[in-house]
C-alpha atoms as a PDB file:
ATOM      1  CA  UNK A   1       0.000   0.000   0.000  1.00  0.00           C
ATOM      2  CA  UNK A   2       2.781   2.391   0.946  1.00  0.00           C
ATOM      3  CA  UNK A   3       4.618   1.586  -2.299  1.00  0.00           C
ATOM      4  CA  UNK A   4       1.504   2.320  -4.346  1.00  0.00           C
ATOM      5  CA  UNK A   5       1.125   5.687  -2.609  1.00  0.00           C
ATOM      6  CA  UNK A   6       4.757   6.586  -3.258  1.00  0.00           C
ATOM      7  CA  UNK A   7       4.551   5.588  -6.956  1.00  0.00           C
ATOM      8  CA  UNK A   8       1.319   7.544  -7.373  1.00  0.00           C
ATOM      9  CA  UNK A   9       2.864  10.609  -5.735  1.00  0.00           C
ATOM     10  CA  UNK A  10       5.956  10.409  -7.955  1.00  0.00           C
ATOM     11  CA  UNK A  11       3.900  10.002 -11.136  1.00  0.00           C
ATOM     12  CA  UNK A  12       1.685  12.928 -10.222  1.00  0.00           C
ATOM     13  CA  UNK A  13       4.750  14.977  -9.299  1.00  0.00           C
ATOM     14  CA  UNK A  14       6.275  14.475 -12.778  1.00  0.00           C
ATOM     15  CA  UNK A  15       3.047  15.576 -14.463  1.00  0.00           C
ATOM     16  CA  UNK A  16       2.819  18.657 -12.239  1.00  0.00           C
ATOM     17  CA  UNK A  17       6.436  19.574 -12.948  1.00  0.00           C
ATOM     18  CA  UNK A  18       5.755  19.422 -16.704  1.00  0.00           C
ATOM     19  CA  UNK A  19       2.696  21.638 -16.315  1.00  0.00           C
ATOM     20  CA  UNK A  20       4.654  24.130 -14.241  1.00  0.00           C
ATOM     21  CA  UNK A  21       7.445  24.244 -16.808  1.00  0.00           C
ATOM     22  CA  UNK A  22       4.909  24.962 -19.541  1.00  0.00           C
ATOM     23  CA  UNK A  23       3.379  27.760 -17.457  1.00  0.00           C
ATOM     24  CA  UNK A  24       6.804  29.307 -16.858  1.00  0.00           C
ATOM     25  CA  UNK A  25       7.574  29.248 -20.580  1.00  0.00           C
ATOM     26  CA  UNK A  26       4.221  30.906 -21.231  1.00  0.00           C
ATOM     27  CA  UNK A  27       4.892  33.695 -18.716  1.00  0.00           C
ATOM     28  CA  UNK A  28       8.430  34.257 -19.938  1.00  0.00           C
ATOM     29  CA  UNK A  29       7.145  34.505 -23.518  1.00  0.00           C
ATOM     30  CA  UNK A  30       4.525  36.997 -22.338  1.00  0.00           C
ATOM     31  CA  UNK A  31       7.312  39.313 -21.190  1.00  0.00           C
ATOM     32  CA  UNK A  32       8.224  39.887 -24.845  1.00  0.00           C
ATOM     33  CA  UNK A  33       4.969  41.839 -25.278  1.00  0.00           C
ATOM     34  CA  UNK A  34       5.742  44.260 -22.411  1.00  0.00           C
ATOM     35  CA  UNK A  35       7.868  47.387 -22.922  1.00  0.00           C
ATOM     36  CA  UNK A  36       9.438  46.997 -19.459  1.00  0.00           C
ATOM     37  CA  UNK A  37      11.067  44.250 -17.409  1.00  0.00           C
ATOM     38  CA  UNK A  38      10.127  42.947 -13.939  1.00  0.00           C
ATOM     39  CA  UNK A  39      12.221  43.968 -10.963  1.00  0.00           C
ATOM     40  CA  UNK A  40      11.526  40.671  -9.164  1.00  0.00           C
ATOM     41  CA  UNK A  41       9.962  37.352 -10.188  1.00  0.00           C
ATOM     42  CA  UNK A  42       9.422  33.908  -8.683  1.00  0.00           C
ATOM     43  CA  UNK A  43       9.915  32.204 -12.047  1.00  0.00           C
ATOM     44  CA  UNK A  44      13.054  30.286 -11.028  1.00  0.00           C
ATOM     45  CA  UNK A  45      12.248  29.735  -7.354  1.00  0.00           C
ATOM     46  CA  UNK A  46      10.516  26.397  -7.858  1.00  0.00           C
ATOM     47  CA  UNK A  47       7.017  27.623  -7.035  1.00  0.00           C
ATOM     48  CA  UNK A  48       4.106  25.484  -8.202  1.00  0.00           C
ATOM     49  CA  UNK A  49       0.560  26.655  -8.924  1.00  0.00           C
ATOM     50  CA  UNK A  50       1.357  30.332  -8.463  1.00  0.00           C
ATOM     51  CA  UNK A  51       3.915  32.884  -9.645  1.00  0.00           C
ATOM     52  CA  UNK A  52       4.582  36.446  -8.506  1.00  0.00           C
ATOM     53  CA  UNK A  53       6.039  39.424 -10.392  1.00  0.00           C
ATOM     54  CA  UNK A  54       6.877  42.912  -9.153  1.00  0.00           C
ATOM     55  CA  UNK A  55       7.035  45.725 -11.704  1.00  0.00           C
ATOM     56  CA  UNK A  56       8.752  48.845 -10.398  1.00  0.00           C
ATOM     57  CA  UNK A  57      10.865  50.026 -13.329  1.00  0.00           C
ATOM     58  CA  UNK A  58       7.929  50.960 -15.548  1.00  0.00           C
ATOM     59  CA  UNK A  59       8.414  53.814 -18.068  1.00  0.00           C
ATOM     60  CA  UNK A  60       6.470  57.038 -17.463  1.00  0.00           C
ATOM     61  CA  UNK A  61       4.309  56.288 -20.485  1.00  0.00           C
ATOM     62  CA  UNK A  62       3.687  53.476 -22.926  1.00  0.00           C
ATOM     63  CA  UNK A  63       1.277  50.884 -24.222  1.00  0.00           C
ATOM     64  CA  UNK A  64       1.099  47.138 -24.767  1.00  0.00           C
ATOM     65  CA  UNK A  65      -1.132  44.399 -26.123  1.00  0.00           C
ATOM     66  CA  UNK A  66      -1.003  41.061 -24.303  1.00  0.00           C
ATOM     67  CA  UNK A  67      -2.240  37.772 -25.742  1.00  0.00           C
ATOM     68  CA  UNK A  68      -4.327  35.428 -23.568  1.00  0.00           C
ATOM     69  CA  UNK A  69      -2.547  33.166 -21.074  1.00  0.00           C
ATOM     70  CA  UNK A  70      -3.738  30.094 -19.183  1.00  0.00           C
ATOM     71  CA  UNK A  71      -3.403  31.694 -15.724  1.00  0.00           C
ATOM     72  CA  UNK A  72      -5.505  34.186 -13.767  1.00  0.00           C
ATOM     73  CA  UNK A  73      -3.633  37.480 -13.183  1.00  0.00           C
ATOM     74  CA  UNK A  74      -4.346  39.285  -9.894  1.00  0.00           C
ATOM     75  CA  UNK A  75      -2.912  42.803  -9.777  1.00  0.00           C
ATOM     76  CA  UNK A  76      -2.275  44.958  -6.720  1.00  0.00           C
ATOM     77  CA  UNK A  77      -1.737  48.663  -7.462  1.00  0.00           C
ATOM     78  CA  UNK A  78       1.100  49.984  -5.301  1.00  0.00           C
ATOM     79  CA  UNK A  79       1.464  53.270  -7.179  1.00  0.00           C
ATOM     80  CA  UNK A  80      -1.111  54.345  -9.781  1.00  0.00           C
ATOM     81  CA  UNK A  81      -0.152  56.290 -12.927  1.00  0.00           C
ATOM     82  CA  UNK A  82      -1.743  59.640 -13.711  1.00  0.00           C
ATOM     83  CA  UNK A  83      -3.680  58.172 -16.621  1.00  0.00           C
ATOM     84  CA  UNK A  84      -4.636  54.570 -17.407  1.00  0.00           C
ATOM     85  CA  UNK A  85      -6.742  52.908 -20.105  1.00  0.00           C
ATOM     86  CA  UNK A  86      -7.324  49.151 -20.148  1.00  0.00           C
ATOM     87  CA  UNK A  87      -9.431  46.994 -22.471  1.00  0.00           C
ATOM     88  CA  UNK A  88     -10.090  43.365 -21.575  1.00  0.00           C
ATOM     89  CA  UNK A  89     -12.993  40.954 -22.068  1.00  0.00           C
ATOM     90  CA  UNK A  90     -15.258  43.732 -23.306  1.00  0.00           C
ATOM     91  CA  UNK A  91     -14.653  45.875 -20.182  1.00  0.00           C
ATOM     92  CA  UNK A  92     -13.167  49.351 -20.364  1.00  0.00           C
ATOM     93  CA  UNK A  93     -11.149  51.059 -17.656  1.00  0.00           C
ATOM     94  CA  UNK A  94     -10.590  54.763 -18.327  1.00  0.00           C
ATOM     95  CA  UNK A  95      -9.065  55.980 -15.075  1.00  0.00           C
ATOM     96  CA  UNK A  96      -6.241  54.901 -12.752  1.00  0.00           C
ATOM     97  CA  UNK A  97      -6.853  52.356 -10.028  1.00  0.00           C
ATOM     98  CA  UNK A  98      -6.218  53.831  -6.556  1.00  0.00           C
ATOM     99  CA  UNK A  99      -3.327  52.647  -4.407  1.00  0.00           C
ATOM    100  CA  UNK A 100      -4.172  49.353  -2.724  1.00  0.00           C
ATOM    101  CA  UNK A 101      -6.917  48.416  -5.175  1.00  0.00           C
ATOM    102  CA  UNK A 102      -7.001  44.988  -6.788  1.00  0.00           C
ATOM    103  CA  UNK A 103      -7.893  43.977 -10.332  1.00  0.00           C
ATOM    104  CA  UNK A 104      -8.320  40.552 -11.864  1.00  0.00           C
ATOM    105  CA  UNK A 105      -7.686  39.509 -15.449  1.00  0.00           C
ATOM    106  CA  UNK A 106      -9.154  35.994 -15.911  1.00  0.00           C
ATOM    107  CA  UNK A 107      -7.251  33.271 -17.726  1.00  0.00           C
ATOM    108  CA  UNK A 108      -7.791  33.352 -21.473  1.00  0.00           C
ATOM    109  CA  UNK A 109      -8.203  37.142 -21.629  1.00  0.00           C
ATOM    110  CA  UNK A 110      -6.334  39.414 -24.023  1.00  0.00           C
ATOM    111  CA  UNK A 111      -5.381  42.843 -22.638  1.00  0.00           C
ATOM    112  CA  UNK A 112      -4.759  46.204 -24.311  1.00  0.00           C
ATOM    113  CA  UNK A 113      -3.446  49.030 -22.108  1.00  0.00           C
ATOM    114  CA  UNK A 114      -1.797  52.437 -22.245  1.00  0.00           C
ATOM    115  CA  UNK A 115      -0.773  54.819 -19.456  1.00  0.00           C
ATOM    116  CA  UNK A 116       1.045  57.998 -18.460  1.00  0.00           C
ATOM    117  CA  UNK A 117       2.910  58.525 -15.205  1.00  0.00           C
ATOM    118  CA  UNK A 118       5.012  56.364 -12.900  1.00  0.00           C
ATOM    119  CA  UNK A 119       3.557  52.979 -11.881  1.00  0.00           C
ATOM    120  CA  UNK A 120       4.292  50.281  -9.308  1.00  0.00           C
ATOM    121  CA  UNK A 121       2.504  46.966  -9.561  1.00  0.00           C
ATOM    122  CA  UNK A 122       2.480  43.525  -7.930  1.00  0.00           C
ATOM    123  CA  UNK A 123       1.047  40.791 -10.162  1.00  0.00           C
ATOM    124  CA  UNK A 124       0.274  37.242  -9.033  1.00  0.00           C
ATOM    125  CA  UNK A 125      -0.489  34.517 -11.551  1.00  0.00           C
ATOM    126  CA  UNK A 126      -2.744  31.757 -10.205  1.00  0.00           C
ATOM    127  CA  UNK A 127      -3.615  28.450 -11.861  1.00  0.00           C
ATOM    128  CA  UNK A 128      -7.361  28.133 -12.586  1.00  0.00           C
ATOM    129  CA  UNK A 129      -7.216  24.505 -11.420  1.00  0.00           C
ATOM    130  CA  UNK A 130      -6.396  25.692  -7.886  1.00  0.00           C
ATOM    131  CA  UNK A 131      -9.342  28.100  -7.886  1.00  0.00           C
ATOM    132  CA  UNK A 132     -11.602  25.343  -9.242  1.00  0.00           C
ATOM    133  CA  UNK A 133     -10.399  22.904  -6.578  1.00  0.00           C
ATOM    134  CA  UNK A 134     -11.050  25.397  -3.783  1.00  0.00           C
ATOM    135  CA  UNK A 135     -14.487  26.199  -5.247  1.00  0.00           C
ATOM    136  CA  UNK A 136     -15.359  22.502  -5.037  1.00  0.00           C
ATOM    137  CA  UNK A 137     -13.708  21.592  -1.739  1.00  0.00           C
ATOM    138  CA  UNK A 138     -14.272  24.743   0.317  1.00  0.00           C
ATOM    139  CA  UNK A 139     -17.535  26.091  -1.079  1.00  0.00           C
ATOM    140  CA  UNK A 140     -19.114  22.949  -2.557  1.00  0.00           C
ATOM    141  CA  UNK A 141     -19.538  24.657  -5.950  1.00  0.00           C
ATOM    142  CA  UNK A 142     -19.676  22.947  -9.307  1.00  0.00           C
ATOM    143  CA  UNK A 143     -16.212  23.938 -10.508  1.00  0.00           C
ATOM    144  CA  UNK A 144     -17.279  23.612 -14.164  1.00  0.00           C
ATOM    145  CA  UNK A 145     -19.799  26.392 -13.595  1.00  0.00           C
ATOM    146  CA  UNK A 146     -17.659  28.670 -11.431  1.00  0.00           C
ATOM    147  CA  UNK A 147     -16.803  31.535 -13.773  1.00  0.00           C
ATOM    148  CA  UNK A 148     -14.132  34.039 -12.732  1.00  0.00           C
ATOM    149  CA  UNK A 149     -14.991  37.423 -14.311  1.00  0.00           C
ATOM    150  CA  UNK A 150     -12.692  40.416 -14.817  1.00  0.00           C
ATOM    151  CA  UNK A 151     -12.686  42.741 -11.807  1.00  0.00           C
ATOM    152  CA  UNK A 152     -11.492  46.331 -11.308  1.00  0.00           C
ATOM    153  CA  UNK A 153     -11.468  48.607  -8.231  1.00  0.00           C
ATOM    154  CA  UNK A 154     -11.698  45.723  -5.729  1.00  0.00           C
ATOM    155  CA  UNK A 155     -11.034  46.854  -2.149  1.00  0.00           C
ATOM    156  CA  UNK A 156     -10.407  43.617  -0.242  1.00  0.00           C
ATOM    157  CA  UNK A 157      -8.103  43.912   2.806  1.00  0.00           C
ATOM    158  CA  UNK A 158      -7.880  40.141   3.316  1.00  0.00           C
ATOM    159  CA  UNK A 159      -6.923  39.479  -0.279  1.00  0.00           C
ATOM    160  CA  UNK A 160      -4.500  42.411  -0.222  1.00  0.00           C
ATOM    161  CA  UNK A 161      -2.791  41.012   2.901  1.00  0.00           C
ATOM    162  CA  UNK A 162      -2.503  37.587   1.275  1.00  0.00           C
ATOM    163  CA  UNK A 163      -0.931  39.153  -1.814  1.00  0.00           C
ATOM    164  CA  UNK A 164       1.613  41.001   0.325  1.00  0.00           C
ATOM    165  CA  UNK A 165       2.408  37.725   2.110  1.00  0.00           C
ATOM    166  CA  UNK A 166       3.149  36.232  -1.316  1.00  0.00           C
ATOM    167  CA  UNK A 167       5.418  39.194  -2.057  1.00  0.00           C
ATOM    168  CA  UNK A 168       7.227  38.634   1.255  1.00  0.00           C
ATOM    169  CA  UNK A 169       7.993  35.072   0.138  1.00  0.00           C
ATOM    170  CA  UNK A 170       9.126  36.399  -3.234  1.00  0.00           C
ATOM    171  CA  UNK A 171      11.678  38.587  -1.475  1.00  0.00           C
ATOM    172  CA  UNK A 172      12.815  36.255   1.319  1.00  0.00           C
ATOM    173  CA  UNK A 173      11.911  32.694   0.313  1.00  0.00           C
ATOM    174  CA  UNK A 174      13.782  30.047  -1.593  1.00  0.00           C
ATOM    175  CA  UNK A 175      14.143  27.191   0.897  1.00  0.00           C
ATOM    176  CA  UNK A 176      12.854  23.665   0.328  1.00  0.00           C
ATOM    177  CA  UNK A 177      10.020  24.141   2.793  1.00  0.00           C
ATOM    178  CA  UNK A 178       8.800  27.312   1.113  1.00  0.00           C
ATOM    179  CA  UNK A 179       6.689  25.384  -1.410  1.00  0.00           C
ATOM    180  CA  UNK A 180       4.375  24.320   1.418  1.00  0.00           C
ATOM    181  CA  UNK A 181       3.801  27.953   2.299  1.00  0.00           C
ATOM    182  CA  UNK A 182       3.374  28.905  -1.370  1.00  0.00           C
ATOM    183  CA  UNK A 183       0.696  26.236  -1.816  1.00  0.00           C
ATOM    184  CA  UNK A 184      -1.087  27.434   1.325  1.00  0.00           C
ATOM    185  CA  UNK A 185      -1.001  31.043   0.130  1.00  0.00           C
ATOM    186  CA  UNK A 186      -2.348  30.000  -3.278  1.00  0.00           C
ATOM    187  CA  UNK A 187      -5.271  28.342  -1.502  1.00  0.00           C
ATOM    188  CA  UNK A 188      -5.869  31.432   0.650  1.00  0.00           C
ATOM    189  CA  UNK A 189      -5.834  33.666  -2.436  1.00  0.00           C
ATOM    190  CA  UNK A 190      -8.362  31.376  -4.108  1.00  0.00           C
ATOM    191  CA  UNK A 191     -10.672  31.459  -1.075  1.00  0.00           C
ATOM    192  CA  UNK A 192     -10.640  35.266  -0.991  1.00  0.00           C
ATOM    193  CA  UNK A 193     -11.088  35.438  -4.748  1.00  0.00           C
ATOM    194  CA  UNK A 194     -14.119  33.152  -4.767  1.00  0.00           C
ATOM    195  CA  UNK A 195     -15.685  35.020  -1.860  1.00  0.00           C
ATOM    196  CA  UNK A 196     -15.486  38.319  -3.718  1.00  0.00           C
ATOM    197  CA  UNK A 197     -16.514  36.875  -7.072  1.00  0.00           C
ATOM    198  CA  UNK A 198     -19.570  35.044  -5.714  1.00  0.00           C
ATOM    199  CA  UNK A 199     -20.183  36.704  -2.312  1.00  0.00           C
ATOM    200  CA  UNK A 200     -19.914  33.163  -0.929  1.00  0.00           C
ATOM    201  CA  UNK A 201     -18.811  31.908   2.460  1.00  0.00           C
ATOM    202  CA  UNK A 202     -17.346  28.601   3.532  1.00  0.00           C
ATOM    203  CA  UNK A 203     -19.877  25.953   4.477  1.00  0.00           C
ATOM    204  CA  UNK A 204     -20.169  25.412   8.244  1.00  0.00           C
ATOM    205  CA  UNK A 205     -17.523  23.024   9.625  1.00  0.00           C
ATOM    206  CA  UNK A 206     -18.520  19.410  10.133  1.00  0.00           C
ATOM    207  CA  UNK A 207     -17.605  17.075  12.956  1.00  0.00           C
ATOM    208  CA  UNK A 208     -14.835  15.628  10.775  1.00  0.00           C
ATOM    209  CA  UNK A 209     -12.411  18.495  11.447  1.00  0.00           C
ATOM    210  CA  UNK A 210      -9.633  16.628  13.273  1.00  0.00           C
ATOM    211  CA  UNK A 211      -7.210  14.334  11.469  1.00  0.00           C
ATOM    212  CA  UNK A 212      -7.773  10.824  12.918  1.00  0.00           C
ATOM    213  CA  UNK A 213      -4.858   9.544  14.984  1.00  0.00           C
ATOM    214  CA  UNK A 214      -3.922   6.668  12.605  1.00  0.00           C
ATOM    215  CA  UNK A 215      -3.826   9.058   9.626  1.00  0.00           C
ATOM    216  CA  UNK A 216      -1.887  11.608  11.662  1.00  0.00           C
ATOM    217  CA  UNK A 217       0.675   8.957  12.591  1.00  0.00           C
ATOM    218  CA  UNK A 218       1.035   7.911   8.925  1.00  0.00           C
ATOM    219  CA  UNK A 219       1.487  11.501   7.755  1.00  0.00           C
ATOM    220  CA  UNK A 220       4.052  12.313  10.457  1.00  0.00           C
ATOM    221  CA  UNK A 221       5.959   9.123   9.580  1.00  0.00           C
ATOM    222  CA  UNK A 222       5.934  10.195   5.928  1.00  0.00           C
ATOM    223  CA  UNK A 223       7.181  13.681   6.860  1.00  0.00           C
ATOM    224  CA  UNK A 224      10.031  12.324   8.972  1.00  0.00           C
ATOM    225  CA  UNK A 225      11.042   9.842   6.244  1.00  0.00           C
ATOM    226  CA  UNK A 226      11.147  12.631   3.664  1.00  0.00           C
ATOM    227  CA  UNK A 227      12.273  15.568   5.791  1.00  0.00           C
ATOM    228  CA  UNK A 228      15.260  16.325   3.576  1.00  0.00           C
ATOM    229  CA  UNK A 229      13.191  16.140   0.391  1.00  0.00           C
ATOM    230  CA  UNK A 230      11.055  18.959  -1.034  1.00  0.00           C
ATOM    231  CA  UNK A 231       7.803  17.971   0.665  1.00  0.00           C
ATOM    232  CA  UNK A 232       4.643  19.444  -0.843  1.00  0.00           C
ATOM    233  CA  UNK A 233       1.144  19.926   0.474  1.00  0.00           C
ATOM    234  CA  UNK A 234      -0.315  17.673  -2.212  1.00  0.00           C
ATOM    235  CA  UNK A 235       2.041  14.817  -1.295  1.00  0.00           C
ATOM    236  CA  UNK A 236       1.088  14.912   2.372  1.00  0.00           C
ATOM    237  CA  UNK A 237      -2.608  15.270   1.593  1.00  0.00           C
ATOM    238  CA  UNK A 238      -2.372  12.224  -0.688  1.00  0.00           C
ATOM    239  CA  UNK A 239      -0.869  10.165   2.125  1.00  0.00           C
ATOM    240  CA  UNK A 240      -3.845  11.139   4.308  1.00  0.00           C
ATOM    241  CA  UNK A 241      -6.235  10.519   1.400  1.00  0.00           C
ATOM    242  CA  UNK A 242      -7.674  14.025   1.774  1.00  0.00           C
ATOM    243  CA  UNK A 243      -7.996  17.142  -0.340  1.00  0.00           C
ATOM    244  CA  UNK A 244      -5.314  19.759   0.324  1.00  0.00           C
ATOM    245  CA  UNK A 245      -7.809  22.111   1.966  1.00  0.00           C
ATOM    246  CA  UNK A 246      -9.284  19.470   4.309  1.00  0.00           C
ATOM    247  CA  UNK A 247      -5.819  18.157   5.130  1.00  0.00           C
ATOM    248  CA  UNK A 248      -4.492  21.569   6.199  1.00  0.00           C
ATOM    249  CA  UNK A 249      -7.539  22.221   8.361  1.00  0.00           C
ATOM    250  CA  UNK A 250      -7.557  18.782  10.005  1.00  0.00           C
ATOM    251  CA  UNK A 251      -3.779  18.662  10.472  1.00  0.00           C
ATOM    252  CA  UNK A 252      -3.703  22.056  12.186  1.00  0.00           C
ATOM    253  CA  UNK A 253      -6.595  21.103  14.458  1.00  0.00           C
ATOM    254  CA  UNK A 254      -4.773  17.905  15.433  1.00  0.00           C
ATOM    255  CA  UNK A 255      -1.291  19.386  15.947  1.00  0.00           C
ATOM    256  CA  UNK A 256      -1.765  23.123  16.457  1.00  0.00           C
ATOM    257  CA  UNK A 257       0.557  23.773  13.508  1.00  0.00           C
ATOM    258  CA  UNK A 258       0.092  24.077   9.770  1.00  0.00           C
ATOM    259  CA  UNK A 259       1.904  21.407   7.726  1.00  0.00           C
ATOM    260  CA  UNK A 260       4.506  23.992   6.721  1.00  0.00           C
ATOM    261  CA  UNK A 261       5.142  24.993  10.342  1.00  0.00           C
ATOM    262  CA  UNK A 262       5.339  21.340  11.404  1.00  0.00           C
ATOM    263  CA  UNK A 263       7.921  20.526   8.737  1.00  0.00           C
ATOM    264  CA  UNK A 264      10.062  23.537   9.651  1.00  0.00           C
ATOM    265  CA  UNK A 265       9.914  22.757  13.379  1.00  0.00           C
ATOM    266  CA  UNK A 266      10.774  19.099  12.674  1.00  0.00           C
ATOM    267  CA  UNK A 267      13.788  20.173  10.647  1.00  0.00           C
ATOM    268  CA  UNK A 268      14.918  22.481  13.421  1.00  0.00           C
ATOM    269  CA  UNK A 269      14.551  19.676  15.997  1.00  0.00           C
ATOM    270  CA  UNK A 270      16.682  17.386  13.831  1.00  0.00           C
ATOM    271  CA  UNK A 271      19.236  20.180  13.470  1.00  0.00           C
ATOM    272  CA  UNK A 272      19.390  20.565  17.264  1.00  0.00           C
ATOM    273  CA  UNK A 273      20.117  16.845  17.582  1.00  0.00           C
ATOM    274  CA  UNK A 274      22.884  17.003  14.979  1.00  0.00           C
ATOM    275  CA  UNK A 275      24.440  20.071  16.588  1.00  0.00           C
ATOM    276  CA  UNK A 276      24.502  18.293  19.971  1.00  0.00           C
ATOM    277  CA  UNK A 277      25.811  14.927  18.803  1.00  0.00           C
ATOM    278  CA  UNK A 278      27.942  15.560  15.690  1.00  0.00           C
ATOM    279  CA  UNK A 279      30.579  18.128  16.553  1.00  0.00           C
ATOM    280  CA  UNK A 280      32.552  17.530  13.358  1.00  0.00           C
ATOM    281  CA  UNK A 281      29.668  18.444  11.057  1.00  0.00           C
ATOM    282  CA  UNK A 282      29.921  21.953   9.623  1.00  0.00           C
ATOM    283  CA  UNK A 283      26.858  24.197   9.787  1.00  0.00           C
ATOM    284  CA  UNK A 284      26.508  23.905   6.015  1.00  0.00           C
ATOM    285  CA  UNK A 285      26.402  20.107   6.340  1.00  0.00           C
ATOM    286  CA  UNK A 286      23.807  20.331   9.106  1.00  0.00           C
ATOM    287  CA  UNK A 287      21.699  22.552   6.847  1.00  0.00           C
ATOM    288  CA  UNK A 288      21.852  20.010   4.005  1.00  0.00           C
ATOM    289  CA  UNK A 289      21.057  17.057   6.293  1.00  0.00           C
ATOM    290  CA  UNK A 290      17.959  18.790   7.636  1.00  0.00           C
ATOM    291  CA  UNK A 291      16.494  19.832   4.294  1.00  0.00           C
ATOM    292  CA  UNK A 292      17.378  23.525   4.156  1.00  0.00           C
ATOM    293  CA  UNK A 293      18.439  25.057   0.867  1.00  0.00           C
ATOM    294  CA  UNK A 294      21.560  26.718   2.287  1.00  0.00           C
ATOM    295  CA  UNK A 295      23.298  27.666   5.514  1.00  0.00           C
ATOM    296  CA  UNK A 296      21.960  31.228   5.471  1.00  0.00           C
ATOM    297  CA  UNK A 297      18.324  30.103   5.271  1.00  0.00           C
ATOM    298  CA  UNK A 298      18.953  27.479   7.970  1.00  0.00           C
ATOM    299  CA  UNK A 299      20.578  30.022  10.293  1.00  0.00           C
ATOM    300  CA  UNK A 300      17.768  32.549   9.822  1.00  0.00           C
ATOM    301  CA  UNK A 301      14.971  30.080  10.641  1.00  0.00           C
ATOM    302  CA  UNK A 302      16.930  28.457  13.485  1.00  0.00           C
ATOM    303  CA  UNK A 303      17.448  31.808  15.199  1.00  0.00           C
ATOM    304  CA  UNK A 304      13.810  32.809  14.645  1.00  0.00           C
ATOM    305  CA  UNK A 305      12.529  29.629  16.335  1.00  0.00           C
ATOM    306  CA  UNK A 306      15.233  28.835  18.924  1.00  0.00           C
ATOM    307  CA  UNK A 307      16.319  32.398  19.696  1.00  0.00           C
ATOM    308  CA  UNK A 308      20.045  31.912  19.014  1.00  0.00           C
ATOM    309  CA  UNK A 309      22.086  31.053  15.940  1.00  0.00           C
ATOM    310  CA  UNK A 310      23.173  27.438  15.311  1.00  0.00           C
ATOM    311  CA  UNK A 311      26.745  28.405  16.185  1.00  0.00           C
ATOM    312  CA  UNK A 312      25.654  29.954  19.491  1.00  0.00           C
ATOM    313  CA  UNK A 313      23.504  26.904  20.224  1.00  0.00           C
ATOM    314  CA  UNK A 314      26.455  24.568  19.623  1.00  0.00           C
ATOM    315  CA  UNK A 315      28.667  26.652  21.909  1.00  0.00           C
ATOM    316  CA  UNK A 316      26.014  26.624  24.637  1.00  0.00           C
ATOM    317  CA  UNK A 317      26.078  22.806  24.637  1.00  0.00           C
ATOM    318  CA  UNK A 318      29.813  22.773  25.182  1.00  0.00           C
ATOM    319  CA  UNK A 319      30.563  21.439  21.684  1.00  0.00           C
ATOM    320  CA  UNK A 320      33.016  23.476  19.631  1.00  0.00           C
END
């Protein structure tokens, strides 16, 4: 049974990786239609299901025509231009969006725009399949009938906060465990998006909100066996035979931590053990053996959770 699960996870992982590579090629090709380049992107950070782009170096005036892409584009205006005209899906926008406002360009939409004045924009690309999954799992909608329309002038503090959390990961992320957080943020964005598109709310929670102890034990065993690998939310949910949304909710109720937090804390605990018992291991080697992308990322998270750096922790145990 365990072997079948592992083979299924690996097969699904290969298919997802191919889809993500195709999406990245699509977004990189899209850049050829823009008369400016992004200041930051997540394109080569290994994110799945979602990508983020920050545009700060935008000319004071210009225009572009974008072909349709297979991803939803959610835009957060950080600095509006003096003049803005946008045409998409039959809708016309003839004035700038205020700072903090959100707009949505659905997948499959062509865009024509021109502007005057300095601009600053955060754009997040989200896979429609994630939105459809959340619509089905969280709101019990028929995903085939859940239409995401174009939106302008959306004032949604929760969605705005989630977008800024994505930007924080764009600036500071990059570790193996970050994909868990990226997947969680993609789900949160989808929940907020569906709420504002449909004015819907989550269905009331059922009694089945706690991950059963046998499933919890199996998932934790899987996490510990694969702690060094790039664990994903979908992999862990598959082991529990749950949807990603239900798994996150039930796992947190059972442990008090999100899957991402649990993985990070487990890696830190293993690092503590290695620092105590293997004095000859360098900090870089400890980072690799506990699943962190590099020593700097390991040191930052270790200090945030433990309160001291790995080097200080090793000295405090009397091991030099």
